[in-house]
Each structure stands twice: as C-alpha cells, then as structure tokens.
Amino acid sequence: HSVLYHIISCNICHVCSQQTGAGAEGSGQPLASPGSCLEEFRKIPFIECHGRGTCNYYTDSYSYWLASLDPENMFSKPRPQTVKGDCPGSIVSRCQVCMKQWQRP
C-alpha cells in the first residue's frame, strides 16, 4: 500500500517535537515549547514510515509524552508515575493545533 493511504486523513503539524537523549547530550524541541500538537489525545498516535515506502505501527501499551509541570514545583525532582486509562488529564503538554492543507502530488 502507498504511504499516503495510511496518513491521508491525518493532521500534519509543522513543529519540532522529537526529543532524543543519550547520556549528558540531547536534542529536539526546547522544553519551554509546547509538547503535543494533537487536537485530541491518543495514547499511541504514531506511525513510523521508512524511505523504502513501508510503514510500521506499534500496538504495545507504551507511549512517551512531554509532561506539563506545575510551575510551583518545576525544579523539584519529578515523581515517577504510570497513568492508566484513555485520558491522562492535565499531565500531557498541549499546544495550539495546526493543520497543513493536503495537495495532490
């Protein structure tokens, strides 16, 4: 199947949202920026597409999100937590949603 078949109905956000870290180094979106650019929260919204024209999606129960912090405690050590259920409430960082108009190639 064509990659467009899988992603045609998606909103496309033009923001840097990936965070990569290794040891004392890391790169990606500034942590002061909004984290999630999804109008509606989905626990596992990602599809990974490769240059070969193939895509993968993962059905495991793990996803990782940039968390919002209480400004009063932002420099305290974060508490580890597991959020169960479909909606994590106010702990997932949010942003204004943007959408790109899709044009046929």
PDB file of N, CA and C in Angstrom:
ATOM      1  N   HIS A   1       0.829  -1.191   0.000  1.00  0.00           N
ATOM      2  CA  HIS A   1       0.000   0.000   0.000  1.00  0.00           C
ATOM      3  C   HIS A   1       0.869   1.248   0.000  1.00  0.00           C
ATOM      4  N   SER A   2       0.354   2.295  -0.611  1.00  0.00           N
ATOM      5  CA  SER A   2       1.038   3.574  -0.601  1.00  0.00           C
ATOM      6  C   SER A   2       1.044   4.166   0.803  1.00  0.00           C
ATOM      7  N   VAL A   3       2.092   4.900   1.133  1.00  0.00           N
ATOM      8  CA  VAL A   3       2.170   5.571   2.430  1.00  0.00           C
ATOM      9  C   VAL A   3       1.002   6.541   2.586  1.00  0.00           C
ATOM     10  N   LEU A   4       0.624   7.249   1.524  1.00  0.00           N
ATOM     11  CA  LEU A   4      -0.487   8.200   1.604  1.00  0.00           C
ATOM     12  C   LEU A   4      -1.787   7.524   2.007  1.00  0.00           C
ATOM     13  N   TYR A   5      -1.956   6.262   1.653  1.00  0.00           N
ATOM     14  CA  TYR A   5      -3.158   5.522   2.043  1.00  0.00           C
ATOM     15  C   TYR A   5      -3.299   5.494   3.559  1.00  0.00           C
ATOM     16  N   HIS A   6      -2.189   5.439   4.265  1.00  0.00           N
ATOM     17  CA  HIS A   6      -2.204   5.334   5.722  1.00  0.00           C
ATOM     18  C   HIS A   6      -2.287   6.679   6.433  1.00  0.00           C
ATOM     19  N   ILE A   7      -1.821   7.756   5.809  1.00  0.00           N
ATOM     20  CA  ILE A   7      -1.752   9.024   6.535  1.00  0.00           C
ATOM     21  C   ILE A   7      -2.592  10.139   5.924  1.00  0.00           C
ATOM     22  N   ILE A   8      -3.375   9.856   4.917  1.00  0.00           N
ATOM     23  CA  ILE A   8      -4.109  10.891   4.201  1.00  0.00           C
ATOM     24  C   ILE A   8      -5.046  11.696   5.099  1.00  0.00           C
ATOM     25  N   SER A   9      -5.647  11.079   6.104  1.00  0.00           N
ATOM     26  CA  SER A   9      -6.621  11.786   6.931  1.00  0.00           C
ATOM     27  C   SER A   9      -6.004  12.412   8.178  1.00  0.00           C
ATOM     28  N   CYS A  10      -4.698  12.385   8.297  1.00  0.00           N
ATOM     29  CA  CYS A  10      -4.043  12.923   9.494  1.00  0.00           C
ATOM     30  C   CYS A  10      -3.852  14.429   9.391  1.00  0.00           C
ATOM     31  N   ASN A  11      -3.918  15.091  10.540  1.00  0.00           N
ATOM     32  CA  ASN A  11      -3.475  16.478  10.625  1.00  0.00           C
ATOM     33  C   ASN A  11      -1.962  16.452  10.685  1.00  0.00           C
ATOM     34  N   ILE A  12      -1.331  17.349   9.961  1.00  0.00           N
ATOM     35  CA  ILE A  12       0.126  17.390   9.949  1.00  0.00           C
ATOM     36  C   ILE A  12       0.568  18.647  10.668  1.00  0.00           C
ATOM     37  N   CYS A  13       1.378  18.488  11.680  1.00  0.00           N
ATOM     38  CA  CYS A  13       1.844  19.628  12.461  1.00  0.00           C
ATOM     39  C   CYS A  13       3.281  19.938  12.098  1.00  0.00           C
ATOM     40  N   HIS A  14       3.550  21.186  11.824  1.00  0.00           N
ATOM     41  CA  HIS A  14       4.907  21.599  11.491  1.00  0.00           C
ATOM     42  C   HIS A  14       5.592  22.147  12.731  1.00  0.00           C
ATOM     43  N   VAL A  15       5.983  21.253  13.611  1.00  0.00           N
ATOM     44  CA  VAL A  15       6.715  21.630  14.817  1.00  0.00           C
ATOM     45  C   VAL A  15       7.788  20.582  15.056  1.00  0.00           C
ATOM     46  N   CYS A  16       8.859  20.976  15.686  1.00  0.00           N
ATOM     47  CA  CYS A  16       9.864  20.004  16.114  1.00  0.00           C
ATOM     48  C   CYS A  16       9.393  19.428  17.433  1.00  0.00           C
ATOM     49  N   SER A  17       9.089  18.158  17.474  1.00  0.00           N
ATOM     50  CA  SER A  17       8.557  17.597  18.717  1.00  0.00           C
ATOM     51  C   SER A  17       9.359  16.411  19.228  1.00  0.00           C
ATOM     52  N   GLN A  18      10.284  15.911  18.456  1.00  0.00           N
ATOM     53  CA  GLN A  18      11.043  14.741  18.887  1.00  0.00           C
ATOM     54  C   GLN A  18      12.104  15.141  19.897  1.00  0.00           C
ATOM     55  N   GLN A  19      12.251  14.352  20.927  1.00  0.00           N
ATOM     56  CA  GLN A  19      13.322  14.542  21.900  1.00  0.00           C
ATOM     57  C   GLN A  19      14.228  13.323  21.844  1.00  0.00           C
ATOM     58  N   THR A  20      15.509  13.546  21.732  1.00  0.00           N
ATOM     59  CA  THR A  20      16.474  12.460  21.717  1.00  0.00           C
ATOM     60  C   THR A  20      17.501  12.725  22.805  1.00  0.00           C
ATOM     61  N   GLY A  21      17.802  11.716  23.592  1.00  0.00           N
ATOM     62  CA  GLY A  21      18.782  11.905  24.648  1.00  0.00           C
ATOM     63  C   GLY A  21      19.697  10.712  24.763  1.00  0.00           C
ATOM     64  N   ALA A  22      20.963  10.981  25.041  1.00  0.00           N
ATOM     65  CA  ALA A  22      21.936   9.914  25.265  1.00  0.00           C
ATOM     66  C   ALA A  22      22.973  10.437  26.244  1.00  0.00           C
ATOM     67  N   GLY A  23      22.973   9.896  27.436  1.00  0.00           N
ATOM     68  CA  GLY A  23      23.916  10.369  28.444  1.00  0.00           C
ATOM     69  C   GLY A  23      23.648  11.817  28.803  1.00  0.00           C
ATOM     70  N   ALA A  24      24.666  12.660  28.702  1.00  0.00           N
ATOM     71  CA  ALA A  24      24.523  14.076  29.042  1.00  0.00           C
ATOM     72  C   ALA A  24      24.133  14.920  27.838  1.00  0.00           C
ATOM     73  N   GLU A  25      23.868  14.297  26.703  1.00  0.00           N
ATOM     74  CA  GLU A  25      23.549  15.035  25.490  1.00  0.00           C
ATOM     75  C   GLU A  25      22.114  14.774  25.073  1.00  0.00           C
ATOM     76  N   GLY A  26      21.553  15.693  24.320  1.00  0.00           N
ATOM     77  CA  GLY A  26      20.204  15.521  23.806  1.00  0.00           C
ATOM     78  C   GLY A  26      19.904  16.587  22.779  1.00  0.00           C
ATOM     79  N   SER A  27      18.850  16.385  22.025  1.00  0.00           N
ATOM     80  CA  SER A  27      18.447  17.376  21.040  1.00  0.00           C
ATOM     81  C   SER A  27      16.953  17.271  20.819  1.00  0.00           C
ATOM     82  N   GLY A  28      16.401  18.275  20.188  1.00  0.00           N
ATOM     83  CA  GLY A  28      14.974  18.281  19.889  1.00  0.00           C
ATOM     84  C   GLY A  28      14.347  19.606  20.249  1.00  0.00           C
ATOM     85  N   GLN A  29      13.071  19.569  20.495  1.00  0.00           N
ATOM     86  CA  GLN A  29      12.297  20.759  20.811  1.00  0.00           C
ATOM     87  C   GLN A  29      12.726  21.366  22.143  1.00  0.00           C
ATOM     88  N   PRO A  30      12.819  22.698  22.236  1.00  0.00           N
ATOM     89  CA  PRO A  30      13.116  23.307  23.533  1.00  0.00           C
ATOM     90  C   PRO A  30      12.037  22.925  24.546  1.00  0.00           C
ATOM     91  N   LEU A  31      12.429  22.597  25.743  1.00  0.00           N
ATOM     92  CA  LEU A  31      11.464  22.128  26.729  1.00  0.00           C
ATOM     93  C   LEU A  31      10.485  23.206  27.158  1.00  0.00           C
ATOM     94  N   ALA A  32      10.757  24.474  26.858  1.00  0.00           N
ATOM     95  CA  ALA A  32       9.810  25.540  27.167  1.00  0.00           C
ATOM     96  C   ALA A  32       8.700  25.625  26.123  1.00  0.00           C
ATOM     97  N   SER A  33       8.850  24.909  25.006  1.00  0.00           N
ATOM     98  CA  SER A  33       7.849  24.927  23.940  1.00  0.00           C
ATOM     99  C   SER A  33       6.731  23.942  24.238  1.00  0.00           C
ATOM    100  N   PRO A  34       5.582  24.081  23.552  1.00  0.00           N
ATOM    101  CA  PRO A  34       4.503  23.112  23.714  1.00  0.00           C
ATOM    102  C   PRO A  34       4.960  21.732  23.251  1.00  0.00           C
ATOM    103  N   GLY A  35       4.440  20.691  23.865  1.00  0.00           N
ATOM    104  CA  GLY A  35       4.876  19.344  23.536  1.00  0.00           C
ATOM    105  C   GLY A  35       3.996  18.629  22.541  1.00  0.00           C
ATOM    106  N   SER A  36       2.722  18.528  22.803  1.00  0.00           N
ATOM    107  CA  SER A  36       1.827  17.757  21.953  1.00  0.00           C
ATOM    108  C   SER A  36       1.087  18.691  21.017  1.00  0.00           C
ATOM    109  N   CYS A  37       1.008  18.327  19.757  1.00  0.00           N
ATOM    110  CA  CYS A  37       0.278  19.158  18.800  1.00  0.00           C
ATOM    111  C   CYS A  37      -0.893  18.365  18.236  1.00  0.00           C
ATOM    112  N   LEU A  38      -1.609  17.670  19.087  1.00  0.00           N
ATOM    113  CA  LEU A  38      -2.753  16.877  18.657  1.00  0.00           C
ATOM    114  C   LEU A  38      -4.029  17.488  19.211  1.00  0.00           C
ATOM    115  N   GLU A  39      -5.036  17.651  18.340  1.00  0.00           N
ATOM    116  CA  GLU A  39      -6.302  18.224  18.783  1.00  0.00           C
ATOM    117  C   GLU A  39      -6.964  17.336  19.826  1.00  0.00           C
ATOM    118  N   GLU A  40      -6.920  16.033  19.593  1.00  0.00           N
ATOM    119  CA  GLU A  40      -7.464  15.067  20.546  1.00  0.00           C
ATOM    120  C   GLU A  40      -6.337  14.142  20.979  1.00  0.00           C
ATOM    121  N   PHE A  41      -6.275  13.833  22.251  1.00  0.00           N
ATOM    122  CA  PHE A  41      -5.216  12.970  22.761  1.00  0.00           C
ATOM    123  C   PHE A  41      -5.460  11.524  22.348  1.00  0.00           C
ATOM    124  N   ARG A  42      -4.450  10.864  21.826  1.00  0.00           N
ATOM    125  CA  ARG A  42      -4.457   9.429  21.523  1.00  0.00           C
ATOM    126  C   ARG A  42      -3.232   8.846  22.203  1.00  0.00           C
ATOM    127  N   LYS A  43      -3.420   7.751  22.907  1.00  0.00           N
ATOM    128  CA  LYS A  43      -2.287   7.166  23.637  1.00  0.00           C
ATOM    129  C   LYS A  43      -1.145   6.786  22.718  1.00  0.00           C
ATOM    130  N   ILE A  44      -1.449   6.158  21.604  1.00  0.00           N
ATOM    131  CA  ILE A  44      -0.400   5.688  20.693  1.00  0.00           C
ATOM    132  C   ILE A  44      -0.752   6.168  19.280  1.00  0.00           C
ATOM    133  N   PRO A  45      -0.423   7.442  18.960  1.00  0.00           N
ATOM    134  CA  PRO A  45      -0.868   8.008  17.688  1.00  0.00           C
ATOM    135  C   PRO A  45       0.143   7.910  16.557  1.00  0.00           C
ATOM    136  N   PHE A  46       1.266   7.238  16.766  1.00  0.00           N
ATOM    137  CA  PHE A  46       2.354   7.358  15.809  1.00  0.00           C
ATOM    138  C   PHE A  46       2.413   6.208  14.821  1.00  0.00           C
ATOM    139  N   ILE A  47       2.767   6.553  13.596  1.00  0.00           N
ATOM    140  CA  ILE A  47       3.073   5.569  12.566  1.00  0.00           C
ATOM    141  C   ILE A  47       4.476   5.945  12.074  1.00  0.00           C
ATOM    142  N   GLU A  48       5.326   4.963  11.941  1.00  0.00           N
ATOM    143  CA  GLU A  48       6.715   5.200  11.550  1.00  0.00           C
ATOM    144  C   GLU A  48       6.886   4.772  10.101  1.00  0.00           C
ATOM    145  N   CYS A  49       7.230   5.718   9.228  1.00  0.00           N
ATOM    146  CA  CYS A  49       7.402   5.402   7.809  1.00  0.00           C
ATOM    147  C   CYS A  49       8.875   5.484   7.430  1.00  0.00           C
ATOM    148  N   HIS A  50       9.304   4.554   6.591  1.00  0.00           N
ATOM    149  CA  HIS A  50      10.696   4.438   6.179  1.00  0.00           C
ATOM    150  C   HIS A  50      10.843   4.933   4.747  1.00  0.00           C
ATOM    151  N   GLY A  51      12.050   5.234   4.344  1.00  0.00           N
ATOM    152  CA  GLY A  51      12.318   5.694   2.993  1.00  0.00           C
ATOM    153  C   GLY A  51      12.042   4.653   1.924  1.00  0.00           C
ATOM    154  N   ARG A  52      11.867   3.399   2.328  1.00  0.00           N
ATOM    155  CA  ARG A  52      11.637   2.310   1.370  1.00  0.00           C
ATOM    156  C   ARG A  52      10.175   2.212   0.947  1.00  0.00           C
ATOM    157  N   GLY A  53       9.302   3.104   1.479  1.00  0.00           N
ATOM    158  CA  GLY A  53       7.881   3.037   1.157  1.00  0.00           C
ATOM    159  C   GLY A  53       7.103   2.116   2.074  1.00  0.00           C
ATOM    160  N   THR A  54       7.698   1.696   3.185  1.00  0.00           N
ATOM    161  CA  THR A  54       6.990   0.844   4.140  1.00  0.00           C
ATOM    162  C   THR A  54       6.764   1.616   5.432  1.00  0.00           C
ATOM    163  N   CYS A  55       5.730   1.221   6.168  1.00  0.00           N
ATOM    164  CA  CYS A  55       5.406   1.871   7.440  1.00  0.00           C
ATOM    165  C   CYS A  55       5.198   0.816   8.515  1.00  0.00           C
ATOM    166  N   ASN A  56       5.472   1.187   9.749  1.00  0.00           N
ATOM    167  CA  ASN A  56       5.214   0.332  10.911  1.00  0.00           C
ATOM    168  C   ASN A  56       4.353   1.106  11.886  1.00  0.00           C
ATOM    169  N   TYR A  57       3.531   0.403  12.619  1.00  0.00           N
ATOM    170  CA  TYR A  57       2.890   0.994  13.788  1.00  0.00           C
ATOM    171  C   TYR A  57       3.012  -0.027  14.893  1.00  0.00           C
ATOM    172  N   TYR A  58       3.011   0.446  16.116  1.00  0.00           N
ATOM    173  CA  TYR A  58       3.281  -0.422  17.246  1.00  0.00           C
ATOM    174  C   TYR A  58       2.052  -0.497  18.133  1.00  0.00           C
ATOM    175  N   THR A  59       1.649  -1.700  18.470  1.00  0.00           N
ATOM    176  CA  THR A  59       0.426  -1.896  19.244  1.00  0.00           C
ATOM    177  C   THR A  59       0.701  -2.165  20.714  1.00  0.00           C
ATOM    178  N   ASP A  60       1.933  -1.942  21.158  1.00  0.00           N
ATOM    179  CA  ASP A  60       2.204  -2.155  22.580  1.00  0.00           C
ATOM    180  C   ASP A  60       1.525  -1.057  23.403  1.00  0.00           C
ATOM    181  N   SER A  61       1.615  -1.162  24.688  1.00  0.00           N
ATOM    182  CA  SER A  61       0.898  -0.226  25.554  1.00  0.00           C
ATOM    183  C   SER A  61       1.771   0.935  26.029  1.00  0.00           C
ATOM    184  N   TYR A  62       2.889   1.190  25.369  1.00  0.00           N
ATOM    185  CA  TYR A  62       3.799   2.229  25.828  1.00  0.00           C
ATOM    186  C   TYR A  62       3.791   3.426  24.889  1.00  0.00           C
ATOM    187  N   SER A  63       3.723   4.599  25.443  1.00  0.00           N
ATOM    188  CA  SER A  63       3.949   5.823  24.691  1.00  0.00           C
ATOM    189  C   SER A  63       4.599   6.824  25.636  1.00  0.00           C
ATOM    190  N   TYR A  64       5.320   7.774  25.069  1.00  0.00           N
ATOM    191  CA  TYR A  64       6.085   8.720  25.874  1.00  0.00           C
ATOM    192  C   TYR A  64       5.719  10.129  25.438  1.00  0.00           C
ATOM    193  N   TRP A  65       5.404  10.984  26.404  1.00  0.00           N
ATOM    194  CA  TRP A  65       4.933  12.332  26.121  1.00  0.00           C
ATOM    195  C   TRP A  65       5.704  13.336  26.949  1.00  0.00           C
ATOM    196  N   LEU A  66       5.848  14.531  26.418  1.00  0.00           N
ATOM    197  CA  LEU A  66       6.424  15.623  27.178  1.00  0.00           C
ATOM    198  C   LEU A  66       5.394  16.044  28.218  1.00  0.00           C
ATOM    199  N   ALA A  67       5.747  15.928  29.480  1.00  0.00           N
ATOM    200  CA  ALA A  67       4.793  16.205  30.562  1.00  0.00           C
ATOM    201  C   ALA A  67       4.767  17.688  30.901  1.00  0.00           C
ATOM    202  N   SER A  68       3.594  18.153  31.275  1.00  0.00           N
ATOM    203  CA  SER A  68       3.493  19.521  31.790  1.00  0.00           C
ATOM    204  C   SER A  68       3.773  19.481  33.284  1.00  0.00           C
ATOM    205  N   LEU A  69       4.412  20.507  33.782  1.00  0.00           N
ATOM    206  CA  LEU A  69       4.780  20.555  35.196  1.00  0.00           C
ATOM    207  C   LEU A  69       4.093  21.725  35.881  1.00  0.00           C
ATOM    208  N   ASP A  70       3.821  21.560  37.137  1.00  0.00           N
ATOM    209  CA  ASP A  70       3.308  22.641  37.962  1.00  0.00           C
ATOM    210  C   ASP A  70       4.424  23.678  38.107  1.00  0.00           C
ATOM    211  N   PRO A  71       4.194  24.936  37.701  1.00  0.00           N
ATOM    212  CA  PRO A  71       5.254  25.943  37.791  1.00  0.00           C
ATOM    213  C   PRO A  71       5.824  26.110  39.200  1.00  0.00           C
ATOM    214  N   GLU A  72       5.025  25.820  40.205  1.00  0.00           N
ATOM    215  CA  GLU A  72       5.496  25.945  41.589  1.00  0.00           C
ATOM    216  C   GLU A  72       6.559  24.892  41.931  1.00  0.00           C
ATOM    217  N   ASN A  73       6.523  23.745  41.227  1.00  0.00           N
ATOM    218  CA  ASN A  73       7.420  22.630  41.551  1.00  0.00           C
ATOM    219  C   ASN A  73       8.319  22.222  40.390  1.00  0.00           C
ATOM    220  N   MET A  74       8.498  23.092  39.411  1.00  0.00           N
ATOM    221  CA  MET A  74       9.193  22.658  38.199  1.00  0.00           C
ATOM    222  C   MET A  74      10.665  22.317  38.405  1.00  0.00           C
ATOM    223  N   PHE A  75      11.276  22.770  39.481  1.00  0.00           N
ATOM    224  CA  PHE A  75      12.679  22.447  39.706  1.00  0.00           C
ATOM    225  C   PHE A  75      12.864  21.361  40.757  1.00  0.00           C
ATOM    226  N   SER A  76      11.778  20.758  41.192  1.00  0.00           N
ATOM    227  CA  SER A  76      11.845  19.622  42.111  1.00  0.00           C
ATOM    228  C   SER A  76      12.033  18.345  41.305  1.00  0.00           C
ATOM    229  N   LYS A  77      12.513  17.310  41.944  1.00  0.00           N
ATOM    230  CA  LYS A  77      12.661  16.022  41.271  1.00  0.00           C
ATOM    231  C   LYS A  77      11.271  15.490  40.905  1.00  0.00           C
ATOM    232  N   PRO A  78      11.039  15.144  39.619  1.00  0.00           N
ATOM    233  CA  PRO A  78       9.722  14.636  39.220  1.00  0.00           C
ATOM    234  C   PRO A  78       9.396  13.312  39.897  1.00  0.00           C
ATOM    235  N   ARG A  79       8.117  13.090  40.161  1.00  0.00           N
ATOM    236  CA  ARG A  79       7.653  11.824  40.722  1.00  0.00           C
ATOM    237  C   ARG A  79       7.377  10.855  39.578  1.00  0.00           C
ATOM    238  N   PRO A  80       7.935   9.651  39.599  1.00  0.00           N
ATOM    239  CA  PRO A  80       7.576   8.660  38.588  1.00  0.00           C
ATOM    240  C   PRO A  80       6.103   8.301  38.746  1.00  0.00           C
ATOM    241  N   GLN A  81       5.416   8.114  37.626  1.00  0.00           N
ATOM    242  CA  GLN A  81       4.019   7.711  37.705  1.00  0.00           C
ATOM    243  C   GLN A  81       3.613   6.973  36.443  1.00  0.00           C
ATOM    244  N   THR A  82       2.641   6.118  36.590  1.00  0.00           N
ATOM    245  CA  THR A  82       2.037   5.411  35.471  1.00  0.00           C
ATOM    246  C   THR A  82       0.597   5.871  35.391  1.00  0.00           C
ATOM    247  N   VAL A  83       0.201   6.342  34.229  1.00  0.00           N
ATOM    248  CA  VAL A  83      -1.162   6.825  34.047  1.00  0.00           C
ATOM    249  C   VAL A  83      -1.940   5.754  33.304  1.00  0.00           C
ATOM    250  N   LYS A  84      -3.033   5.321  33.874  1.00  0.00           N
ATOM    251  CA  LYS A  84      -3.857   4.294  33.242  1.00  0.00           C
ATOM    252  C   LYS A  84      -5.135   4.928  32.721  1.00  0.00           C
ATOM    253  N   GLY A  85      -5.732   4.298  31.732  1.00  0.00           N
ATOM    254  CA  GLY A  85      -6.955   4.832  31.151  1.00  0.00           C
ATOM    255  C   GLY A  85      -6.655   5.594  29.874  1.00  0.00           C
ATOM    256  N   ASP A  86      -7.704   6.108  29.250  1.00  0.00           N
ATOM    257  CA  ASP A  86      -7.552   6.759  27.955  1.00  0.00           C
ATOM    258  C   ASP A  86      -7.116   8.215  28.026  1.00  0.00           C
ATOM    259  N   CYS A  87      -7.417   8.897  29.109  1.00  0.00           N
ATOM    260  CA  CYS A  87      -7.133  10.324  29.178  1.00  0.00           C
ATOM    261  C   CYS A  87      -6.234  10.638  30.361  1.00  0.00           C
ATOM    262  N   PRO A  88      -5.028  11.146  30.124  1.00  0.00           N
ATOM    263  CA  PRO A  88      -4.116  11.432  31.228  1.00  0.00           C
ATOM    264  C   PRO A  88      -4.373  12.774  31.904  1.00  0.00           C
ATOM    265  N   GLY A  89      -5.438  13.463  31.514  1.00  0.00           N
ATOM    266  CA  GLY A  89      -5.753  14.729  32.165  1.00  0.00           C
ATOM    267  C   GLY A  89      -4.781  15.821  31.814  1.00  0.00           C
ATOM    268  N   SER A  90      -4.328  16.551  32.803  1.00  0.00           N
ATOM    269  CA  SER A  90      -3.514  17.737  32.546  1.00  0.00           C
ATOM    270  C   SER A  90      -2.013  17.467  32.563  1.00  0.00           C
ATOM    271  N   ILE A  91      -1.590  16.218  32.622  1.00  0.00           N
ATOM    272  CA  ILE A  91      -0.142  15.974  32.714  1.00  0.00           C
ATOM    273  C   ILE A  91       0.565  15.956  31.368  1.00  0.00           C
ATOM    274  N   VAL A  92      -0.181  15.863  30.252  1.00  0.00           N
ATOM    275  CA  VAL A  92       0.444  15.885  28.937  1.00  0.00           C
ATOM    276  C   VAL A  92       0.469  17.322  28.439  1.00  0.00           C
ATOM    277  N   SER A  93       1.647  17.780  28.011  1.00  0.00           N
ATOM    278  CA  SER A  93       1.794  19.131  27.499  1.00  0.00           C
ATOM    279  C   SER A  93       0.958  19.291  26.228  1.00  0.00           C
ATOM    280  N   ARG A  94       0.363  20.447  26.056  1.00  0.00           N
ATOM    281  CA  ARG A  94      -0.518  20.693  24.910  1.00  0.00           C
ATOM    282  C   ARG A  94      -0.049  21.925  24.139  1.00  0.00           C
ATOM    283  N   CYS A  95      -0.539  22.074  22.921  1.00  0.00           N
ATOM    284  CA  CYS A  95      -0.250  23.275  22.149  1.00  0.00           C
ATOM    285  C   CYS A  95      -1.450  23.616  21.291  1.00  0.00           C
ATOM    286  N   GLN A  96      -1.359  24.723  20.567  1.00  0.00           N
ATOM    287  CA  GLN A  96      -2.397  25.051  19.605  1.00  0.00           C
ATOM    288  C   GLN A  96      -2.216  24.120  18.419  1.00  0.00           C
ATOM    289  N   VAL A  97      -3.310  23.668  17.832  1.00  0.00           N
ATOM    290  CA  VAL A  97      -3.242  22.692  16.742  1.00  0.00           C
ATOM    291  C   VAL A  97      -3.109  23.413  15.415  1.00  0.00           C
ATOM    292  N   CYS A  98      -2.214  22.918  14.590  1.00  0.00           N
ATOM    293  CA  CYS A  98      -2.037  23.457  13.251  1.00  0.00           C
ATOM    294  C   CYS A  98      -2.347  22.359  12.244  1.00  0.00           C
ATOM    295  N   MET A  99      -2.762  22.728  11.049  1.00  0.00           N
ATOM    296  CA  MET A  99      -3.054  21.716  10.038  1.00  0.00           C
ATOM    297  C   MET A  99      -2.547  22.205   8.687  1.00  0.00           C
ATOM    298  N   LYS A 100      -1.904  21.330   7.960  1.00  0.00           N
ATOM    299  CA  LYS A 100      -1.428  21.639   6.626  1.00  0.00           C
ATOM    300  C   LYS A 100      -2.478  21.187   5.623  1.00  0.00           C
ATOM    301  N   GLN A 101      -2.748  22.007   4.632  1.00  0.00           N
ATOM    302  CA  GLN A 101      -3.670  21.619   3.571  1.00  0.00           C
ATOM    303  C   GLN A 101      -2.978  20.578   2.692  1.00  0.00           C
ATOM    304  N   TRP A 102      -3.638  19.444   2.482  1.00  0.00           N
ATOM    305  CA  TRP A 102      -3.050  18.387   1.670  1.00  0.00           C
ATOM    306  C   TRP A 102      -3.244  18.705   0.205  1.00  0.00           C
ATOM    307  N   GLN A 103      -2.189  18.550  -0.592  1.00  0.00           N
ATOM    308  CA  GLN A 103      -2.254  18.789  -2.027  1.00  0.00           C
ATOM    309  C   GLN A 103      -1.822  17.526  -2.744  1.00  0.00           C
ATOM    310  N   ARG A 104      -2.537  17.194  -3.780  1.00  0.00           N
ATOM    311  CA  ARG A 104      -2.166  16.006  -4.571  1.00  0.00           C
ATOM    312  C   ARG A 104      -0.834  16.249  -5.276  1.00  0.00           C
ATOM    313  N   PRO A 105       0.026  15.228  -5.295  1.00  0.00           N
ATOM    314  CA  PRO A 105       1.332  15.388  -5.968  1.00  0.00           C
ATOM    315  C   PRO A 105       1.187  15.492  -7.465  1.00  0.00           C
TER     316      PRO A 105
END
